[in-house]
Amino acid sequence: LTLGVMLFDTPAVLAEDEFHIHYRVADINEDANNLSGTVFLNVYNTSGENITDMVASIPGPNQVTYDQRQIGVGDLADGAQVEVLDPFIVPIEVTQAEPTTGPVNWRLEYTNTLGERQSIDVVGLEVE
């Protein structure tokens, strides 16, 4: 897990959504056994509260995090954004399955200001 500097321009977001996710996949390499690369994940907190211990995942089999691992985002103050760089390796047989099309649904799990663990699904926006 590597925290990086912002690589995206700050996009417009809808006020009614609690969190916004923008992502891109880069540095793709393929060999006989694996496809590897890096997911650049931006999370924007517009929930109205500071949150802690956030992790992001993509439920179900997919070509971004096929093993359903969690990507640590950390603490995120209201109005703040963070970019996380997450290297991945996907077995070639997974990439030969039906490709993921359309928006990717991300699951964010975090602790709110009351100390309660929360989970929310957010449609991610793929950016270039």
N, C-alpha and C. Protein backbone atom coordinates (compact mmCIF):
# COMPACT_ATOMS: atom_id res chain seq x y z
N LEU A 1 0.86 -1.18 0.00
CA LEU A 1 0.00 0.00 0.00
C LEU A 1 0.89 1.22 0.00
N THR A 2 0.65 2.10 -0.94
CA THR A 2 1.46 3.30 -1.04
C THR A 2 0.55 4.49 -1.19
N LEU A 3 0.71 5.48 -0.35
CA LEU A 3 -0.05 6.70 -0.50
C LEU A 3 0.67 7.60 -1.49
N GLY A 4 -0.07 8.15 -2.42
CA GLY A 4 0.54 8.96 -3.45
C GLY A 4 0.00 10.36 -3.46
N VAL A 5 0.56 11.15 -4.32
CA VAL A 5 0.04 12.50 -4.51
C VAL A 5 -1.13 12.44 -5.47
N MET A 6 -1.97 13.47 -5.47
CA MET A 6 -3.12 13.50 -6.36
C MET A 6 -2.64 13.49 -7.81
N LEU A 7 -3.14 12.51 -8.58
CA LEU A 7 -2.81 12.44 -9.98
C LEU A 7 -3.98 12.88 -10.85
N PHE A 8 -5.13 13.10 -10.25
CA PHE A 8 -6.32 13.48 -10.99
C PHE A 8 -6.68 14.91 -10.65
N ASP A 9 -7.31 15.60 -11.58
CA ASP A 9 -7.93 16.87 -11.25
C ASP A 9 -9.12 16.55 -10.36
N THR A 10 -9.46 17.43 -9.45
CA THR A 10 -10.61 17.20 -8.59
C THR A 10 -11.88 17.29 -9.42
N PRO A 11 -12.61 16.17 -9.56
CA PRO A 11 -13.81 16.20 -10.40
C PRO A 11 -15.00 16.78 -9.65
N ALA A 12 -15.99 17.18 -10.40
CA ALA A 12 -17.24 17.62 -9.78
C ALA A 12 -17.92 16.40 -9.17
N VAL A 13 -18.53 16.54 -8.01
CA VAL A 13 -19.22 15.44 -7.35
C VAL A 13 -20.63 15.89 -7.00
N LEU A 14 -21.50 14.92 -6.85
CA LEU A 14 -22.88 15.20 -6.49
C LEU A 14 -22.99 15.37 -4.99
N ALA A 15 -23.63 16.44 -4.56
CA ALA A 15 -23.71 16.76 -3.14
C ALA A 15 -24.44 15.70 -2.34
N GLU A 16 -25.40 15.00 -2.95
CA GLU A 16 -26.20 14.05 -2.16
C GLU A 16 -25.49 12.73 -1.86
N ASP A 17 -24.38 12.45 -2.53
CA ASP A 17 -23.64 11.22 -2.28
C ASP A 17 -22.67 11.43 -1.11
N GLU A 18 -22.54 10.37 -0.27
CA GLU A 18 -21.66 10.48 0.90
C GLU A 18 -20.19 10.36 0.54
N PHE A 19 -19.89 9.49 -0.43
CA PHE A 19 -18.51 9.25 -0.84
C PHE A 19 -18.48 9.14 -2.36
N HIS A 20 -17.33 9.48 -2.92
CA HIS A 20 -17.13 9.39 -4.36
C HIS A 20 -15.82 8.65 -4.60
N ILE A 21 -15.83 7.80 -5.60
CA ILE A 21 -14.64 7.04 -5.94
C ILE A 21 -14.32 7.27 -7.41
N HIS A 22 -13.06 7.60 -7.66
CA HIS A 22 -12.53 7.68 -9.02
C HIS A 22 -11.31 6.77 -9.04
N TYR A 23 -11.18 5.99 -10.10
CA TYR A 23 -10.08 5.03 -10.16
C TYR A 23 -9.58 4.91 -11.59
N ARG A 24 -8.36 4.41 -11.68
CA ARG A 24 -7.81 4.03 -12.97
C ARG A 24 -6.82 2.90 -12.74
N VAL A 25 -6.60 2.13 -13.78
CA VAL A 25 -5.65 1.03 -13.74
C VAL A 25 -4.52 1.38 -14.70
N ALA A 26 -3.29 1.22 -14.24
CA ALA A 26 -2.13 1.60 -15.07
C ALA A 26 -1.00 0.60 -14.88
N ASP A 27 0.06 0.80 -15.63
CA ASP A 27 1.28 -0.01 -15.54
C ASP A 27 0.98 -1.49 -15.74
N ILE A 28 0.15 -1.78 -16.73
CA ILE A 28 -0.25 -3.17 -16.99
C ILE A 28 0.90 -3.94 -17.61
N ASN A 29 1.17 -5.12 -17.04
CA ASN A 29 2.18 -6.05 -17.56
C ASN A 29 1.56 -7.43 -17.61
N GLU A 30 1.88 -8.19 -18.64
CA GLU A 30 1.34 -9.54 -18.77
C GLU A 30 2.47 -10.49 -19.10
N ASP A 31 2.49 -11.63 -18.40
CA ASP A 31 3.41 -12.70 -18.75
C ASP A 31 2.59 -13.97 -18.95
N ALA A 32 3.22 -15.12 -19.02
CA ALA A 32 2.50 -16.36 -19.29
C ALA A 32 1.53 -16.75 -18.18
N ASN A 33 1.77 -16.27 -16.96
CA ASN A 33 0.95 -16.69 -15.82
C ASN A 33 0.07 -15.61 -15.22
N ASN A 34 0.49 -14.35 -15.29
CA ASN A 34 -0.19 -13.30 -14.55
C ASN A 34 -0.34 -12.01 -15.35
N LEU A 35 -1.34 -11.25 -14.96
CA LEU A 35 -1.52 -9.87 -15.40
C LEU A 35 -1.29 -9.03 -14.15
N SER A 36 -0.46 -8.01 -14.25
CA SER A 36 -0.21 -7.18 -13.08
C SER A 36 -0.34 -5.72 -13.46
N GLY A 37 -0.49 -4.89 -12.45
CA GLY A 37 -0.61 -3.46 -12.67
C GLY A 37 -0.84 -2.76 -11.35
N THR A 38 -1.31 -1.53 -11.43
CA THR A 38 -1.58 -0.72 -10.25
C THR A 38 -2.95 -0.08 -10.38
N VAL A 39 -3.73 -0.16 -9.31
CA VAL A 39 -4.99 0.56 -9.23
C VAL A 39 -4.72 1.87 -8.50
N PHE A 40 -5.08 2.99 -9.12
CA PHE A 40 -5.01 4.30 -8.49
C PHE A 40 -6.43 4.62 -8.04
N LEU A 41 -6.66 4.66 -6.75
CA LEU A 41 -8.00 4.81 -6.19
C LEU A 41 -8.09 6.12 -5.42
N ASN A 42 -9.01 7.00 -5.85
CA ASN A 42 -9.28 8.25 -5.14
C ASN A 42 -10.61 8.12 -4.43
N VAL A 43 -10.63 8.44 -3.15
CA VAL A 43 -11.86 8.44 -2.37
C VAL A 43 -12.08 9.85 -1.84
N TYR A 44 -13.28 10.37 -2.04
CA TYR A 44 -13.68 11.70 -1.60
C TYR A 44 -14.74 11.55 -0.52
N ASN A 45 -14.56 12.20 0.61
CA ASN A 45 -15.51 12.12 1.72
C ASN A 45 -16.38 13.37 1.73
N THR A 46 -17.64 13.20 1.38
CA THR A 46 -18.61 14.29 1.45
C THR A 46 -19.77 13.89 2.36
N SER A 47 -19.46 13.06 3.35
CA SER A 47 -20.49 12.48 4.22
C SER A 47 -20.96 13.42 5.32
N GLY A 48 -20.19 14.47 5.60
CA GLY A 48 -20.55 15.37 6.70
C GLY A 48 -19.92 14.97 8.02
N GLU A 49 -19.10 13.91 8.02
CA GLU A 49 -18.43 13.50 9.26
C GLU A 49 -17.04 12.96 8.95
N ASN A 50 -16.18 13.02 9.96
CA ASN A 50 -14.86 12.42 9.84
C ASN A 50 -15.01 10.92 10.03
N ILE A 51 -14.32 10.16 9.23
CA ILE A 51 -14.40 8.71 9.35
C ILE A 51 -12.99 8.17 9.58
N THR A 52 -12.94 6.96 10.14
CA THR A 52 -11.64 6.33 10.41
C THR A 52 -11.64 4.90 9.88
N ASP A 53 -10.43 4.39 9.70
CA ASP A 53 -10.20 2.99 9.37
C ASP A 53 -10.99 2.53 8.14
N MET A 54 -10.97 3.31 7.07
CA MET A 54 -11.70 2.94 5.86
C MET A 54 -10.91 1.93 5.04
N VAL A 55 -11.63 0.95 4.51
CA VAL A 55 -11.09 0.02 3.53
C VAL A 55 -12.04 -0.03 2.35
N ALA A 56 -11.49 -0.26 1.17
CA ALA A 56 -12.28 -0.37 -0.05
C ALA A 56 -12.08 -1.76 -0.65
N SER A 57 -13.14 -2.30 -1.22
CA SER A 57 -13.05 -3.58 -1.91
C SER A 57 -14.07 -3.57 -3.04
N ILE A 58 -13.96 -4.55 -3.91
CA ILE A 58 -14.94 -4.73 -4.97
C ILE A 58 -15.56 -6.10 -4.76
N PRO A 59 -16.83 -6.13 -4.34
CA PRO A 59 -17.47 -7.42 -4.07
C PRO A 59 -17.59 -8.25 -5.34
N GLY A 60 -17.40 -9.54 -5.20
CA GLY A 60 -17.58 -10.46 -6.33
C GLY A 60 -16.35 -10.56 -7.20
N PRO A 61 -16.28 -11.59 -8.00
CA PRO A 61 -15.14 -11.76 -8.90
C PRO A 61 -15.09 -10.62 -9.91
N ASN A 62 -13.90 -10.15 -10.19
CA ASN A 62 -13.71 -9.06 -11.14
C ASN A 62 -12.26 -9.04 -11.55
N GLN A 63 -11.93 -8.16 -12.48
CA GLN A 63 -10.55 -8.11 -12.97
C GLN A 63 -9.70 -7.05 -12.29
N VAL A 64 -10.24 -6.40 -11.29
CA VAL A 64 -9.45 -5.40 -10.58
C VAL A 64 -8.87 -5.98 -9.30
N THR A 65 -9.71 -6.55 -8.47
CA THR A 65 -9.23 -7.22 -7.25
C THR A 65 -9.92 -8.58 -7.18
N TYR A 66 -9.51 -9.50 -8.04
CA TYR A 66 -10.18 -10.79 -8.18
C TYR A 66 -10.26 -11.55 -6.87
N ASP A 67 -9.30 -11.36 -5.99
CA ASP A 67 -9.27 -12.12 -4.74
C ASP A 67 -10.08 -11.45 -3.63
N GLN A 68 -10.79 -10.39 -3.95
CA GLN A 68 -11.64 -9.67 -3.01
C GLN A 68 -10.87 -9.12 -1.81
N ARG A 69 -9.60 -8.84 -2.00
CA ARG A 69 -8.83 -8.26 -0.90
C ARG A 69 -9.30 -6.83 -0.66
N GLN A 70 -8.95 -6.33 0.49
CA GLN A 70 -9.32 -4.96 0.85
C GLN A 70 -8.14 -4.03 0.63
N ILE A 71 -8.43 -2.84 0.17
CA ILE A 71 -7.43 -1.81 -0.05
C ILE A 71 -7.56 -0.80 1.09
N GLY A 72 -6.54 -0.65 1.88
CA GLY A 72 -6.58 0.27 3.01
C GLY A 72 -6.61 1.72 2.56
N VAL A 73 -7.60 2.47 3.01
CA VAL A 73 -7.72 3.89 2.69
C VAL A 73 -7.31 4.72 3.91
N GLY A 74 -7.67 4.26 5.11
CA GLY A 74 -7.28 4.95 6.33
C GLY A 74 -8.33 5.92 6.82
N ASP A 75 -7.88 6.95 7.53
CA ASP A 75 -8.78 7.98 8.08
C ASP A 75 -9.02 9.05 7.03
N LEU A 76 -10.23 9.59 7.03
CA LEU A 76 -10.58 10.58 6.01
C LEU A 76 -11.53 11.61 6.61
N ALA A 77 -11.04 12.82 6.76
CA ALA A 77 -11.86 13.91 7.32
C ALA A 77 -12.95 14.30 6.34
N ASP A 78 -14.03 14.87 6.85
CA ASP A 78 -15.10 15.37 5.99
C ASP A 78 -14.53 16.41 5.03
N GLY A 79 -14.86 16.27 3.77
CA GLY A 79 -14.39 17.21 2.75
C GLY A 79 -13.02 16.87 2.20
N ALA A 80 -12.38 15.85 2.73
CA ALA A 80 -11.03 15.48 2.29
C ALA A 80 -11.08 14.41 1.22
N GLN A 81 -9.96 14.25 0.54
CA GLN A 81 -9.81 13.18 -0.43
C GLN A 81 -8.44 12.56 -0.26
N VAL A 82 -8.32 11.31 -0.67
CA VAL A 82 -7.04 10.62 -0.59
C VAL A 82 -6.90 9.74 -1.82
N GLU A 83 -5.67 9.57 -2.27
CA GLU A 83 -5.39 8.64 -3.34
C GLU A 83 -4.53 7.52 -2.79
N VAL A 84 -4.91 6.29 -3.11
CA VAL A 84 -4.18 5.11 -2.69
C VAL A 84 -3.74 4.37 -3.95
N LEU A 85 -2.49 3.96 -3.98
CA LEU A 85 -1.97 3.18 -5.09
C LEU A 85 -1.85 1.74 -4.60
N ASP A 86 -2.48 0.82 -5.32
CA ASP A 86 -2.52 -0.57 -4.89
C ASP A 86 -2.06 -1.48 -6.02
N PRO A 87 -0.87 -2.08 -5.90
CA PRO A 87 -0.43 -3.02 -6.93
C PRO A 87 -1.25 -4.30 -6.87
N PHE A 88 -1.52 -4.89 -8.04
CA PHE A 88 -2.27 -6.14 -8.06
C PHE A 88 -1.62 -7.12 -9.02
N ILE A 89 -1.89 -8.40 -8.79
CA ILE A 89 -1.50 -9.48 -9.68
C ILE A 89 -2.72 -10.38 -9.84
N VAL A 90 -3.11 -10.61 -11.08
CA VAL A 90 -4.28 -11.42 -11.39
C VAL A 90 -3.82 -12.60 -12.24
N PRO A 91 -4.17 -13.84 -11.86
CA PRO A 91 -3.83 -14.98 -12.70
C PRO A 91 -4.43 -14.83 -14.10
N ILE A 92 -3.68 -15.21 -15.11
CA ILE A 92 -4.12 -15.07 -16.50
C ILE A 92 -5.47 -15.73 -16.74
N GLU A 93 -5.75 -16.86 -16.09
CA GLU A 93 -7.04 -17.54 -16.32
C GLU A 93 -8.22 -16.68 -15.89
N VAL A 94 -8.03 -15.80 -14.93
CA VAL A 94 -9.11 -14.90 -14.51
C VAL A 94 -9.35 -13.85 -15.59
N THR A 95 -8.30 -13.37 -16.23
CA THR A 95 -8.46 -12.34 -17.26
C THR A 95 -9.10 -12.89 -18.51
N GLN A 96 -9.08 -14.21 -18.69
CA GLN A 96 -9.68 -14.81 -19.87
C GLN A 96 -11.18 -15.01 -19.69
N ALA A 97 -11.69 -14.76 -18.51
CA ALA A 97 -13.13 -14.85 -18.26
C ALA A 97 -13.82 -13.65 -18.91
N GLU A 98 -15.12 -13.62 -18.80
CA GLU A 98 -15.89 -12.50 -19.35
C GLU A 98 -15.40 -11.19 -18.74
N PRO A 99 -14.99 -10.21 -19.54
CA PRO A 99 -14.47 -8.96 -18.98
C PRO A 99 -15.55 -8.16 -18.26
N THR A 100 -15.11 -7.41 -17.26
CA THR A 100 -16.00 -6.52 -16.53
C THR A 100 -16.33 -5.33 -17.44
N THR A 101 -17.61 -5.03 -17.56
CA THR A 101 -18.00 -3.88 -18.37
C THR A 101 -18.84 -2.94 -17.52
N GLY A 102 -18.86 -1.68 -17.90
CA GLY A 102 -19.65 -0.71 -17.17
C GLY A 102 -18.99 -0.29 -15.89
N PRO A 103 -19.71 0.50 -15.08
CA PRO A 103 -19.14 1.01 -13.83
C PRO A 103 -18.82 -0.11 -12.85
N VAL A 104 -17.78 0.09 -12.06
CA VAL A 104 -17.40 -0.86 -11.02
C VAL A 104 -17.99 -0.40 -9.70
N ASN A 105 -18.69 -1.28 -9.02
CA ASN A 105 -19.25 -0.98 -7.70
C ASN A 105 -18.22 -1.32 -6.64
N TRP A 106 -17.87 -0.32 -5.84
CA TRP A 106 -16.91 -0.48 -4.76
C TRP A 106 -17.66 -0.54 -3.44
N ARG A 107 -17.16 -1.29 -2.49
CA ARG A 107 -17.71 -1.32 -1.13
C ARG A 107 -16.72 -0.63 -0.21
N LEU A 108 -17.20 0.38 0.51
CA LEU A 108 -16.40 1.09 1.51
C LEU A 108 -16.87 0.68 2.89
N GLU A 109 -15.95 0.28 3.73
CA GLU A 109 -16.25 -0.03 5.12
C GLU A 109 -15.42 0.92 5.97
N TYR A 110 -16.04 1.48 7.01
CA TYR A 110 -15.36 2.49 7.82
C TYR A 110 -16.03 2.59 9.18
N THR A 111 -15.38 3.31 10.09
CA THR A 111 -15.94 3.59 11.40
C THR A 111 -16.37 5.05 11.42
N ASN A 112 -17.64 5.29 11.83
CA ASN A 112 -18.16 6.67 11.86
C ASN A 112 -17.78 7.34 13.18
N THR A 113 -18.23 8.59 13.36
CA THR A 113 -17.85 9.36 14.55
C THR A 113 -18.45 8.78 15.84
N LEU A 114 -19.49 7.92 15.72
CA LEU A 114 -20.07 7.28 16.90
C LEU A 114 -19.35 5.97 17.24
N GLY A 115 -18.33 5.62 16.45
CA GLY A 115 -17.60 4.38 16.70
C GLY A 115 -18.27 3.16 16.10
N GLU A 116 -19.25 3.37 15.23
CA GLU A 116 -19.98 2.25 14.61
C GLU A 116 -19.33 1.90 13.27
N ARG A 117 -19.21 0.61 13.02
CA ARG A 117 -18.68 0.15 11.73
C ARG A 117 -19.80 0.24 10.70
N GLN A 118 -19.53 0.87 9.57
CA GLN A 118 -20.51 1.09 8.50
C GLN A 118 -20.01 0.49 7.19
N SER A 119 -20.93 0.22 6.30
CA SER A 119 -20.59 -0.27 4.98
C SER A 119 -21.51 0.40 3.97
N ILE A 120 -20.94 0.84 2.86
CA ILE A 120 -21.73 1.50 1.82
C ILE A 120 -21.16 1.10 0.46
N ASP A 121 -22.04 0.86 -0.51
CA ASP A 121 -21.61 0.58 -1.87
C ASP A 121 -21.67 1.86 -2.67
N VAL A 122 -20.60 2.10 -3.45
CA VAL A 122 -20.46 3.31 -4.23
C VAL A 122 -20.09 2.93 -5.65
N VAL A 123 -20.76 3.52 -6.63
CA VAL A 123 -20.39 3.30 -8.02
C VAL A 123 -19.16 4.13 -8.32
N GLY A 124 -18.10 3.46 -8.75
CA GLY A 124 -16.85 4.16 -9.05
C GLY A 124 -16.87 4.72 -10.46
N LEU A 125 -16.15 5.80 -10.65
CA LEU A 125 -16.01 6.42 -11.96
C LEU A 125 -14.60 6.16 -12.45
N GLU A 126 -14.47 5.45 -13.57
CA GLU A 126 -13.14 5.19 -14.12
C GLU A 126 -12.68 6.43 -14.87
N VAL A 127 -11.47 6.88 -14.57
CA VAL A 127 -10.90 8.06 -15.21
C VAL A 127 -9.61 7.67 -15.92
N GLU A 128 -9.19 8.51 -16.81
CA GLU A 128 -7.96 8.23 -17.55
C GLU A 128 -6.81 9.01 -17.00
